[in-house]
Full PDB file with SEQRES, HELIX, SHEET, SSBOND, CRYST1, ORIGX, SCALE, CONECT and MASTER records, all heavy atoms in Angstrom:
SEQRES   1 A   33  TRP ARG VAL VAL GLY LEU LEU ASP ASP ASP PRO ALA LYS          
SEQRES   2 A   33  HIS GLN ARG GLU ILE TYR GLY VAL LYS VAL LEU ASP PRO          
SEQRES   3 A   33  ILE ILE HIS LEU PRO THR TRP                                  
HELIX    1 AA1 PRO A   11  LYS A   13  5                                   3    
HELIX    2 AA2 ILE A   27  HIS A   29  5                                   3    
SHEET    1 AA1 3 LEU A   6  LEU A   7  0                                        
SHEET    2 AA1 3 VAL A  21  ASP A  25  1                                        
SHEET    3 AA1 3 GLU A  17  ILE A  18 -1                                        
CRYST1    1.000    1.000    1.000  90.00  90.00  90.00 P 1           1          
ORIGX1      1.000000  0.000000  0.000000        0.00000                         
ORIGX2      0.000000  1.000000  0.000000        0.00000                         
ORIGX3      0.000000  0.000000  1.000000        0.00000                         
SCALE1      1.000000  0.000000  0.000000        0.00000                         
SCALE2      0.000000  1.000000  0.000000        0.00000                         
SCALE3      0.000000  0.000000  1.000000        0.00000                         
ATOM      1  N   TRP A   1       0.811  -1.211   0.000  1.00  0.00           N  
ATOM      2  CA  TRP A   1       0.000   0.000   0.000  1.00  0.00           C  
ATOM      3  C   TRP A   1       0.843   1.259   0.000  1.00  0.00           C  
ATOM      4  O   TRP A   1       1.947   1.297   0.556  1.00  0.00           O  
ATOM      5  CB  TRP A   1      -0.927   0.030   1.219  1.00  0.00           C  
ATOM      6  CG  TRP A   1      -1.935  -1.062   1.230  1.00  0.00           C  
ATOM      7  CD1 TRP A   1      -2.718  -1.486   0.199  1.00  0.00           C  
ATOM      8  CD2 TRP A   1      -2.274  -1.893   2.340  1.00  0.00           C  
ATOM      9  NE1 TRP A   1      -3.527  -2.506   0.585  1.00  0.00           N  
ATOM     10  CE2 TRP A   1      -3.276  -2.792   1.907  1.00  0.00           C  
ATOM     11  CE3 TRP A   1      -1.845  -1.965   3.665  1.00  0.00           C  
ATOM     12  CZ2 TRP A   1      -3.844  -3.746   2.734  1.00  0.00           C  
ATOM     13  CZ3 TRP A   1      -2.413  -2.919   4.493  1.00  0.00           C  
ATOM     14  CH2 TRP A   1      -3.390  -3.787   4.028  1.00  0.00           C  
ATOM     15  N   ARG A   2       0.280   2.303  -0.595  1.00  0.00           N  
ATOM     16  CA  ARG A   2       0.898   3.628  -0.618  1.00  0.00           C  
ATOM     17  C   ARG A   2      -0.187   4.649  -0.260  1.00  0.00           C  
ATOM     18  O   ARG A   2      -1.171   4.799  -0.994  1.00  0.00           O  
ATOM     19  CB  ARG A   2       1.466   3.909  -2.010  1.00  0.00           C  
ATOM     20  CG  ARG A   2       1.982   5.313  -2.238  1.00  0.00           C  
ATOM     21  CD  ARG A   2       2.725   5.383  -3.571  1.00  0.00           C  
ATOM     22  NE  ARG A   2       1.915   4.892  -4.661  1.00  0.00           N  
ATOM     23  CZ  ARG A   2       1.162   5.645  -5.454  1.00  0.00           C  
ATOM     24  NH1 ARG A   2       1.104   6.955  -5.254  1.00  0.00           N  
ATOM     25  NH2 ARG A   2       0.466   5.119  -6.443  1.00  0.00           N  
ATOM     26  N   VAL A   3      -0.021   5.320   0.875  1.00  0.00           N  
ATOM     27  CA  VAL A   3      -1.023   6.293   1.324  1.00  0.00           C  
ATOM     28  C   VAL A   3      -0.896   7.567   0.492  1.00  0.00           C  
ATOM     29  O   VAL A   3       0.168   8.186   0.455  1.00  0.00           O  
ATOM     30  CB  VAL A   3      -0.853   6.614   2.824  1.00  0.00           C  
ATOM     31  CG1 VAL A   3      -1.921   7.613   3.268  1.00  0.00           C  
ATOM     32  CG2 VAL A   3      -0.945   5.346   3.663  1.00  0.00           C  
ATOM     33  N   VAL A   4      -1.989   7.949  -0.171  1.00  0.00           N  
ATOM     34  CA  VAL A   4      -1.953   9.120  -1.052  1.00  0.00           C  
ATOM     35  C   VAL A   4      -2.701  10.313  -0.470  1.00  0.00           C  
ATOM     36  O   VAL A   4      -2.651  11.404  -1.036  1.00  0.00           O  
ATOM     37  CB  VAL A   4      -2.521   8.773  -2.448  1.00  0.00           C  
ATOM     38  CG1 VAL A   4      -1.636   7.753  -3.147  1.00  0.00           C  
ATOM     39  CG2 VAL A   4      -3.959   8.264  -2.343  1.00  0.00           C  
ATOM     40  N   GLY A   5      -3.386  10.123   0.643  1.00  0.00           N  
ATOM     41  CA  GLY A   5      -4.092  11.253   1.228  1.00  0.00           C  
ATOM     42  C   GLY A   5      -4.805  10.856   2.506  1.00  0.00           C  
ATOM     43  O   GLY A   5      -5.042   9.675   2.783  1.00  0.00           O  
ATOM     44  N   LEU A   6      -5.124  11.864   3.307  1.00  0.00           N  
ATOM     45  CA  LEU A   6      -5.855  11.689   4.562  1.00  0.00           C  
ATOM     46  C   LEU A   6      -7.136  12.510   4.515  1.00  0.00           C  
ATOM     47  O   LEU A   6      -7.161  13.574   3.891  1.00  0.00           O  
ATOM     48  CB  LEU A   6      -5.012  12.142   5.756  1.00  0.00           C  
ATOM     49  CG  LEU A   6      -3.647  11.496   5.952  1.00  0.00           C  
ATOM     50  CD1 LEU A   6      -2.813  12.325   6.919  1.00  0.00           C  
ATOM     51  CD2 LEU A   6      -3.795  10.089   6.499  1.00  0.00           C  
ATOM     52  N   LEU A   7      -8.163  12.032   5.169  1.00  0.00           N  
ATOM     53  CA  LEU A   7      -9.401  12.806   5.311  1.00  0.00           C  
ATOM     54  C   LEU A   7      -9.778  12.867   6.782  1.00  0.00           C  
ATOM     55  O   LEU A   7      -9.726  11.840   7.481  1.00  0.00           O  
ATOM     56  CB  LEU A   7     -10.541  12.193   4.497  1.00  0.00           C  
ATOM     57  CG  LEU A   7     -10.395  12.333   2.978  1.00  0.00           C  
ATOM     58  CD1 LEU A   7      -9.841  11.048   2.388  1.00  0.00           C  
ATOM     59  CD2 LEU A   7     -11.713  12.681   2.312  1.00  0.00           C  
ATOM     60  N   ASP A   8     -10.146  14.036   7.244  1.00  0.00           N  
ATOM     61  CA  ASP A   8     -10.477  14.222   8.652  1.00  0.00           C  
ATOM     62  C   ASP A   8     -11.500  15.352   8.766  1.00  0.00           C  
ATOM     63  O   ASP A   8     -11.492  16.301   7.971  1.00  0.00           O  
ATOM     64  CB  ASP A   8      -9.217  14.556   9.452  1.00  0.00           C  
ATOM     65  CG  ASP A   8      -9.429  14.419  10.951  1.00  0.00           C  
ATOM     66  OD1 ASP A   8      -9.985  15.353  11.564  1.00  0.00           O  
ATOM     67  OD2 ASP A   8      -9.036  13.379  11.501  1.00  0.00           O  
ATOM     68  N   ASP A   9     -12.370  15.252   9.758  1.00  0.00           N  
ATOM     69  CA  ASP A   9     -13.430  16.255   9.925  1.00  0.00           C  
ATOM     70  C   ASP A   9     -12.979  17.502  10.671  1.00  0.00           C  
ATOM     71  O   ASP A   9     -13.750  18.456  10.800  1.00  0.00           O  
ATOM     72  CB  ASP A   9     -14.627  15.627  10.650  1.00  0.00           C  
ATOM     73  CG  ASP A   9     -15.368  14.633   9.777  1.00  0.00           C  
ATOM     74  OD1 ASP A   9     -15.316  14.790   8.539  1.00  0.00           O  
ATOM     75  OD2 ASP A   9     -15.979  13.693  10.323  1.00  0.00           O  
ATOM     76  N   ASP A  10     -11.762  17.535  11.168  1.00  0.00           N  
ATOM     77  CA  ASP A  10     -11.239  18.704  11.878  1.00  0.00           C  
ATOM     78  C   ASP A  10     -10.727  19.729  10.862  1.00  0.00           C  
ATOM     79  O   ASP A  10      -9.715  19.492  10.201  1.00  0.00           O  
ATOM     80  CB  ASP A  10     -10.112  18.283  12.818  1.00  0.00           C  
ATOM     81  CG  ASP A  10      -9.607  19.447  13.670  1.00  0.00           C  
ATOM     82  OD1 ASP A  10     -10.078  20.585  13.461  1.00  0.00           O  
ATOM     83  OD2 ASP A  10      -8.737  19.210  14.525  1.00  0.00           O  
ATOM     84  N   PRO A  11     -11.401  20.875  10.715  1.00  0.00           N  
ATOM     85  CA  PRO A  11     -10.975  21.869   9.708  1.00  0.00           C  
ATOM     86  C   PRO A  11      -9.555  22.381   9.938  1.00  0.00           C  
ATOM     87  O   PRO A  11      -8.872  22.769   8.984  1.00  0.00           O  
ATOM     88  CB  PRO A  11     -11.996  23.009   9.861  1.00  0.00           C  
ATOM     89  CG  PRO A  11     -13.149  22.411  10.593  1.00  0.00           C  
ATOM     90  CD  PRO A  11     -12.587  21.330  11.453  1.00  0.00           C  
ATOM     91  N   ALA A  12      -9.098  22.399  11.178  1.00  0.00           N  
ATOM     92  CA  ALA A  12      -7.748  22.901  11.473  1.00  0.00           C  
ATOM     93  C   ALA A  12      -6.664  22.040  10.848  1.00  0.00           C  
ATOM     94  O   ALA A  12      -5.532  22.495  10.680  1.00  0.00           O  
ATOM     95  CB  ALA A  12      -7.544  22.986  12.987  1.00  0.00           C  
ATOM     96  N   LYS A  13      -6.992  20.801  10.490  1.00  0.00           N  
ATOM     97  CA  LYS A  13      -5.984  19.896   9.920  1.00  0.00           C  
ATOM     98  C   LYS A  13      -5.966  19.912   8.398  1.00  0.00           C  
ATOM     99  O   LYS A  13      -5.026  19.381   7.792  1.00  0.00           O  
ATOM    100  CB  LYS A  13      -6.246  18.462  10.402  1.00  0.00           C  
ATOM    101  CG  LYS A  13      -6.086  18.283  11.907  1.00  0.00           C  
ATOM    102  CD  LYS A  13      -6.420  16.844  12.319  1.00  0.00           C  
ATOM    103  CE  LYS A  13      -6.279  16.675  13.828  1.00  0.00           C  
ATOM    104  NZ  LYS A  13      -6.659  15.303  14.265  1.00  0.00           N  
ATOM    105  N   HIS A  14      -6.976  20.509   7.781  1.00  0.00           N  
ATOM    106  CA  HIS A  14      -7.067  20.486   6.323  1.00  0.00           C  
ATOM    107  C   HIS A  14      -5.890  21.231   5.684  1.00  0.00           C  
ATOM    108  O   HIS A  14      -5.480  22.295   6.148  1.00  0.00           O  
ATOM    109  CB  HIS A  14      -8.393  21.091   5.853  1.00  0.00           C  
ATOM    110  CG  HIS A  14      -9.571  20.268   6.266  1.00  0.00           C  
ATOM    111  ND1 HIS A  14     -10.867  20.739   6.211  1.00  0.00           N  
ATOM    112  CD2 HIS A  14      -9.651  18.999   6.760  1.00  0.00           C  
ATOM    113  CE1 HIS A  14     -11.688  19.815   6.643  1.00  0.00           C  
ATOM    114  NE2 HIS A  14     -10.977  18.746   6.980  1.00  0.00           N  
ATOM    115  N   GLN A  15      -5.355  20.639   4.622  1.00  0.00           N  
ATOM    116  CA  GLN A  15      -4.208  21.163   3.858  1.00  0.00           C  
ATOM    117  C   GLN A  15      -2.897  21.108   4.650  1.00  0.00           C  
ATOM    118  O   GLN A  15      -1.894  21.621   4.184  1.00  0.00           O  
ATOM    119  CB  GLN A  15      -4.480  22.589   3.355  1.00  0.00           C  
ATOM    120  CG  GLN A  15      -5.753  22.731   2.535  1.00  0.00           C  
ATOM    121  CD  GLN A  15      -5.855  21.709   1.418  1.00  0.00           C  
ATOM    122  OE1 GLN A  15      -4.922  21.561   0.620  1.00  0.00           O  
ATOM    123  NE2 GLN A  15      -6.973  20.984   1.335  1.00  0.00           N  
ATOM    124  N   ARG A  16      -2.921  20.513   5.828  1.00  0.00           N  
ATOM    125  CA  ARG A  16      -1.684  20.256   6.559  1.00  0.00           C  
ATOM    126  C   ARG A  16      -1.152  18.896   6.131  1.00  0.00           C  
ATOM    127  O   ARG A  16      -1.830  18.131   5.439  1.00  0.00           O  
ATOM    128  CB  ARG A  16      -1.929  20.289   8.078  1.00  0.00           C  
ATOM    129  CG  ARG A  16      -2.640  21.554   8.571  1.00  0.00           C  
ATOM    130  CD  ARG A  16      -1.778  22.795   8.468  1.00  0.00           C  
ATOM    131  NE  ARG A  16      -0.680  22.763   9.428  1.00  0.00           N  
ATOM    132  CZ  ARG A  16      -0.759  23.178  10.684  1.00  0.00           C  
ATOM    133  NH1 ARG A  16      -1.916  23.639  11.150  1.00  0.00           N  
ATOM    134  NH2 ARG A  16       0.289  23.154  11.482  1.00  0.00           N  
ATOM    135  N   GLU A  17       0.065  18.571   6.555  1.00  0.00           N  
ATOM    136  CA  GLU A  17       0.679  17.306   6.146  1.00  0.00           C  
ATOM    137  C   GLU A  17       1.174  16.516   7.348  1.00  0.00           C  
ATOM    138  O   GLU A  17       1.603  17.101   8.350  1.00  0.00           O  
ATOM    139  CB  GLU A  17       1.842  17.550   5.181  1.00  0.00           C  
ATOM    140  CG  GLU A  17       1.420  18.075   3.829  1.00  0.00           C  
ATOM    141  CD  GLU A  17       2.586  18.155   2.856  1.00  0.00           C  
ATOM    142  OE1 GLU A  17       3.731  17.836   3.274  1.00  0.00           O  
ATOM    143  OE2 GLU A  17       2.370  18.526   1.687  1.00  0.00           O  
ATOM    144  N   ILE A  18       1.112  15.187   7.227  1.00  0.00           N  
ATOM    145  CA  ILE A  18       1.705  14.273   8.198  1.00  0.00           C  
ATOM    146  C   ILE A  18       2.637  13.355   7.431  1.00  0.00           C  
ATOM    147  O   ILE A  18       2.188  12.603   6.544  1.00  0.00           O  
ATOM    148  CB  ILE A  18       0.633  13.447   8.943  1.00  0.00           C  
ATOM    149  CG1 ILE A  18      -0.357  14.360   9.665  1.00  0.00           C  
ATOM    150  CG2 ILE A  18       1.288  12.487   9.932  1.00  0.00           C  
ATOM    151  CD1 ILE A  18      -1.502  13.603  10.335  1.00  0.00           C  
ATOM    152  N   TYR A  19       3.933  13.449   7.729  1.00  0.00           N  
ATOM    153  CA  TYR A  19       4.949  12.660   7.007  1.00  0.00           C  
ATOM    154  C   TYR A  19       4.808  12.813   5.493  1.00  0.00           C  
ATOM    155  O   TYR A  19       4.932  11.850   4.728  1.00  0.00           O  
ATOM    156  CB  TYR A  19       4.859  11.183   7.396  1.00  0.00           C  
ATOM    157  CG  TYR A  19       5.220  10.908   8.830  1.00  0.00           C  
ATOM    158  CD1 TYR A  19       4.316  10.279   9.687  1.00  0.00           C  
ATOM    159  CD2 TYR A  19       6.459  11.283   9.344  1.00  0.00           C  
ATOM    160  CE1 TYR A  19       4.647  10.042  11.023  1.00  0.00           C  
ATOM    161  CE2 TYR A  19       6.789  11.043  10.672  1.00  0.00           C  
ATOM    162  CZ  TYR A  19       5.884  10.427  11.502  1.00  0.00           C  
ATOM    163  OH  TYR A  19       6.221  10.180  12.817  1.00  0.00           O  
ATOM    164  N   GLY A  20       4.526  14.037   5.072  1.00  0.00           N  
ATOM    165  CA  GLY A  20       4.461  14.323   3.645  1.00  0.00           C  
ATOM    166  C   GLY A  20       3.144  13.984   2.979  1.00  0.00           C  
ATOM    167  O   GLY A  20       2.987  14.186   1.778  1.00  0.00           O  
ATOM    168  N   VAL A  21       2.183  13.466   3.733  1.00  0.00           N  
ATOM    169  CA  VAL A  21       0.872  13.118   3.176  1.00  0.00           C  
ATOM    170  C   VAL A  21      -0.132  14.189   3.604  1.00  0.00           C  
ATOM    171  O   VAL A  21      -0.268  14.485   4.789  1.00  0.00           O  
ATOM    172  CB  VAL A  21       0.411  11.726   3.659  1.00  0.00           C  
ATOM    173  CG1 VAL A  21      -0.950  11.386   3.058  1.00  0.00           C  
ATOM    174  CG2 VAL A  21       1.439  10.668   3.294  1.00  0.00           C  
ATOM    175  N   LYS A  22      -0.844  14.752   2.628  1.00  0.00           N  
ATOM    176  CA  LYS A  22      -1.725  15.894   2.895  1.00  0.00           C  
ATOM    177  C   LYS A  22      -3.079  15.454   3.431  1.00  0.00           C  
ATOM    178  O   LYS A  22      -3.634  14.432   3.010  1.00  0.00           O  
ATOM    179  CB  LYS A  22      -1.914  16.707   1.615  1.00  0.00           C  
ATOM    180  CG  LYS A  22      -2.725  17.985   1.799  1.00  0.00           C  
ATOM    181  CD  LYS A  22      -2.819  18.771   0.519  1.00  0.00           C  
ATOM    182  CE  LYS A  22      -1.509  19.449   0.175  1.00  0.00           C  
ATOM    183  NZ  LYS A  22      -1.655  20.372  -0.991  1.00  0.00           N  
ATOM    184  N   VAL A  23      -3.601  16.251   4.394  1.00  0.00           N  
ATOM    185  CA  VAL A  23      -4.980  16.096   4.870  1.00  0.00           C  
ATOM    186  C   VAL A  23      -5.862  16.854   3.887  1.00  0.00           C  
ATOM    187  O   VAL A  23      -5.808  18.083   3.807  1.00  0.00           O  
ATOM    188  CB  VAL A  23      -5.159  16.638   6.304  1.00  0.00           C  
ATOM    189  CG1 VAL A  23      -6.590  16.395   6.782  1.00  0.00           C  
ATOM    190  CG2 VAL A  23      -4.155  15.987   7.253  1.00  0.00           C  
ATOM    191  N   LEU A  24      -6.685  16.137   3.127  1.00  0.00           N  
ATOM    192  CA  LEU A  24      -7.341  16.722   1.964  1.00  0.00           C  
ATOM    193  C   LEU A  24      -8.642  17.447   2.282  1.00  0.00           C  
ATOM    194  O   LEU A  24      -8.827  18.603   1.908  1.00  0.00           O  
ATOM    195  CB  LEU A  24      -7.612  15.613   0.939  1.00  0.00           C  
ATOM    196  CG  LEU A  24      -6.368  14.828   0.478  1.00  0.00           C  
ATOM    197  CD1 LEU A  24      -6.783  13.590  -0.298  1.00  0.00           C  
ATOM    198  CD2 LEU A  24      -5.475  15.713  -0.366  1.00  0.00           C  
ATOM    199  N   ASP A  25      -9.558  16.750   2.977  1.00  0.00           N  
ATOM    200  CA  ASP A  25     -10.929  17.264   3.105  1.00  0.00           C  
ATOM    201  C   ASP A  25     -11.628  16.552   4.245  1.00  0.00           C  
ATOM    202  O   ASP A  25     -11.081  15.603   4.828  1.00  0.00           O  
ATOM    203  CB  ASP A  25     -11.700  16.992   1.800  1.00  0.00           C  
ATOM    204  CG  ASP A  25     -11.795  18.236   0.917  1.00  0.00           C  
ATOM    205  OD1 ASP A  25     -11.815  19.356   1.474  1.00  0.00           O  
ATOM    206  OD2 ASP A  25     -11.862  18.079  -0.308  1.00  0.00           O  
ATOM    207  N   PRO A  26     -12.891  16.947   4.551  1.00  0.00           N  
ATOM    208  CA  PRO A  26     -13.690  16.166   5.502  1.00  0.00           C  
ATOM    209  C   PRO A  26     -13.988  14.770   4.945  1.00  0.00           C  
ATOM    210  O   PRO A  26     -13.947  14.540   3.729  1.00  0.00           O  
ATOM    211  CB  PRO A  26     -14.977  16.982   5.642  1.00  0.00           C  
ATOM    212  CG  PRO A  26     -14.620  18.355   5.191  1.00  0.00           C  
ATOM    213  CD  PRO A  26     -13.568  18.184   4.143  1.00  0.00           C  
ATOM    214  N   ILE A  27     -14.329  13.854   5.819  1.00  0.00           N  
ATOM    215  CA  ILE A  27     -14.553  12.456   5.433  1.00  0.00           C  
ATOM    216  C   ILE A  27     -15.713  12.321   4.459  1.00  0.00           C  
ATOM    217  O   ILE A  27     -15.701  11.444   3.585  1.00  0.00           O  
ATOM    218  CB  ILE A  27     -14.791  11.607   6.701  1.00  0.00           C  
ATOM    219  CG1 ILE A  27     -13.494  11.520   7.512  1.00  0.00           C  
ATOM    220  CG2 ILE A  27     -15.294  10.212   6.361  1.00  0.00           C  
ATOM    221  CD1 ILE A  27     -13.631  10.883   8.875  1.00  0.00           C  
ATOM    222  N   ILE A  28     -16.701  13.202   4.548  1.00  0.00           N  
ATOM    223  CA  ILE A  28     -17.868  13.111   3.684  1.00  0.00           C  
ATOM    224  C   ILE A  28     -17.508  13.260   2.212  1.00  0.00           C  
ATOM    225  O   ILE A  28     -18.242  12.828   1.313  1.00  0.00           O  
ATOM    226  CB  ILE A  28     -18.924  14.182   4.094  1.00  0.00           C  
ATOM    227  CG1 ILE A  28     -20.276  13.885   3.461  1.00  0.00           C  
ATOM    228  CG2 ILE A  28     -18.438  15.577   3.736  1.00  0.00           C  
ATOM    229  CD1 ILE A  28     -20.931  12.641   3.989  1.00  0.00           C  
ATOM    230  N   HIS A  29     -16.340  13.869   1.920  1.00  0.00           N  
ATOM    231  CA  HIS A  29     -15.909  14.063   0.535  1.00  0.00           C  
ATOM    232  C   HIS A  29     -15.115  12.875  -0.010  1.00  0.00           C  
ATOM    233  O   HIS A  29     -14.494  12.983  -1.072  1.00  0.00           O  
ATOM    234  CB  HIS A  29     -15.047  15.330   0.421  1.00  0.00           C  
ATOM    235  CG  HIS A  29     -15.813  16.588   0.672  1.00  0.00           C  
ATOM    236  ND1 HIS A  29     -15.220  17.771   1.023  1.00  0.00           N  
ATOM    237  CD2 HIS A  29     -17.150  16.832   0.638  1.00  0.00           C  
ATOM    238  CE1 HIS A  29     -16.145  18.704   1.187  1.00  0.00           C  
ATOM    239  NE2 HIS A  29     -17.327  18.150   0.964  1.00  0.00           N  
ATOM    240  N   LEU A  30     -15.142  11.744   0.691  1.00  0.00           N  
ATOM    241  CA  LEU A  30     -14.391  10.564   0.249  1.00  0.00           C  
ATOM    242  C   LEU A  30     -14.733  10.132  -1.176  1.00  0.00           C  
ATOM    243  O   LEU A  30     -13.819   9.845  -1.961  1.00  0.00           O  
ATOM    244  CB  LEU A  30     -14.629   9.407   1.235  1.00  0.00           C  
ATOM    245  CG  LEU A  30     -13.989   8.073   0.861  1.00  0.00           C  
ATOM    246  CD1 LEU A  30     -12.474   8.174   0.897  1.00  0.00           C  
ATOM    247  CD2 LEU A  30     -14.478   6.961   1.787  1.00  0.00           C  
ATOM    248  N   PRO A  31     -16.001  10.047  -1.577  1.00  0.00           N  
ATOM    249  CA  PRO A  31     -16.296   9.600  -2.949  1.00  0.00           C  
ATOM    250  C   PRO A  31     -15.599  10.446  -4.010  1.00  0.00           C  
ATOM    251  O   PRO A  31     -15.146   9.918  -5.040  1.00  0.00           O  
ATOM    252  CB  PRO A  31     -17.827   9.733  -3.040  1.00  0.00           C  
ATOM    253  CG  PRO A  31     -18.298   9.602  -1.628  1.00  0.00           C  
ATOM    254  CD  PRO A  31     -17.246  10.262  -0.796  1.00  0.00           C  
ATOM    255  N   THR A  32     -15.500  11.763  -3.776  1.00  0.00           N  
ATOM    256  CA  THR A  32     -14.821  12.641  -4.743  1.00  0.00           C  
ATOM    257  C   THR A  32     -13.349  12.274  -4.875  1.00  0.00           C  
ATOM    258  O   THR A  32     -12.805  12.159  -5.985  1.00  0.00           O  
ATOM    259  CB  THR A  32     -14.947  14.111  -4.303  1.00  0.00           C  
ATOM    260  OG1 THR A  32     -16.321  14.447  -4.194  1.00  0.00           O  
ATOM    261  CG2 THR A  32     -14.256  15.033  -5.306  1.00  0.00           C  
ATOM    262  N   TRP A  33     -12.676  12.066  -3.742  1.00  0.00           N  
ATOM    263  CA  TRP A  33     -11.234  11.786  -3.767  1.00  0.00           C  
ATOM    264  C   TRP A  33     -10.918  10.380  -4.253  1.00  0.00           C  
ATOM    265  O   TRP A  33      -9.857  10.159  -4.847  1.00  0.00           O  
ATOM    266  CB  TRP A  33     -10.647  12.037  -2.384  1.00  0.00           C  
ATOM    267  CG  TRP A  33     -10.553  13.505  -2.070  1.00  0.00           C  
ATOM    268  CD1 TRP A  33     -11.369  14.234  -1.262  1.00  0.00           C  
ATOM    269  CD2 TRP A  33      -9.599  14.422  -2.609  1.00  0.00           C  
ATOM    270  NE1 TRP A  33     -10.987  15.550  -1.253  1.00  0.00           N  
ATOM    271  CE2 TRP A  33      -9.899  15.700  -2.069  1.00  0.00           C  
ATOM    272  CE3 TRP A  33      -8.526  14.298  -3.487  1.00  0.00           C  
ATOM    273  CZ2 TRP A  33      -9.159  16.832  -2.377  1.00  0.00           C  
ATOM    274  CZ3 TRP A  33      -7.779  15.433  -3.801  1.00  0.00           C  
ATOM    275  CH2 TRP A  33      -8.094  16.682  -3.254  1.00  0.00           C  
TER     276      TRP A  33                                                      
MASTER        0    0    0    2    3    0    0    6  275    1    0    3          
END                                                                             
């Protein structure tokens, strides 16, 4: 596996990165991503 993105409902984490992987959007937007 290769993690290409994170989704989280906390707005403060959006567009931040963890180990180079970006927090993209709230979880509800999963189908789009």
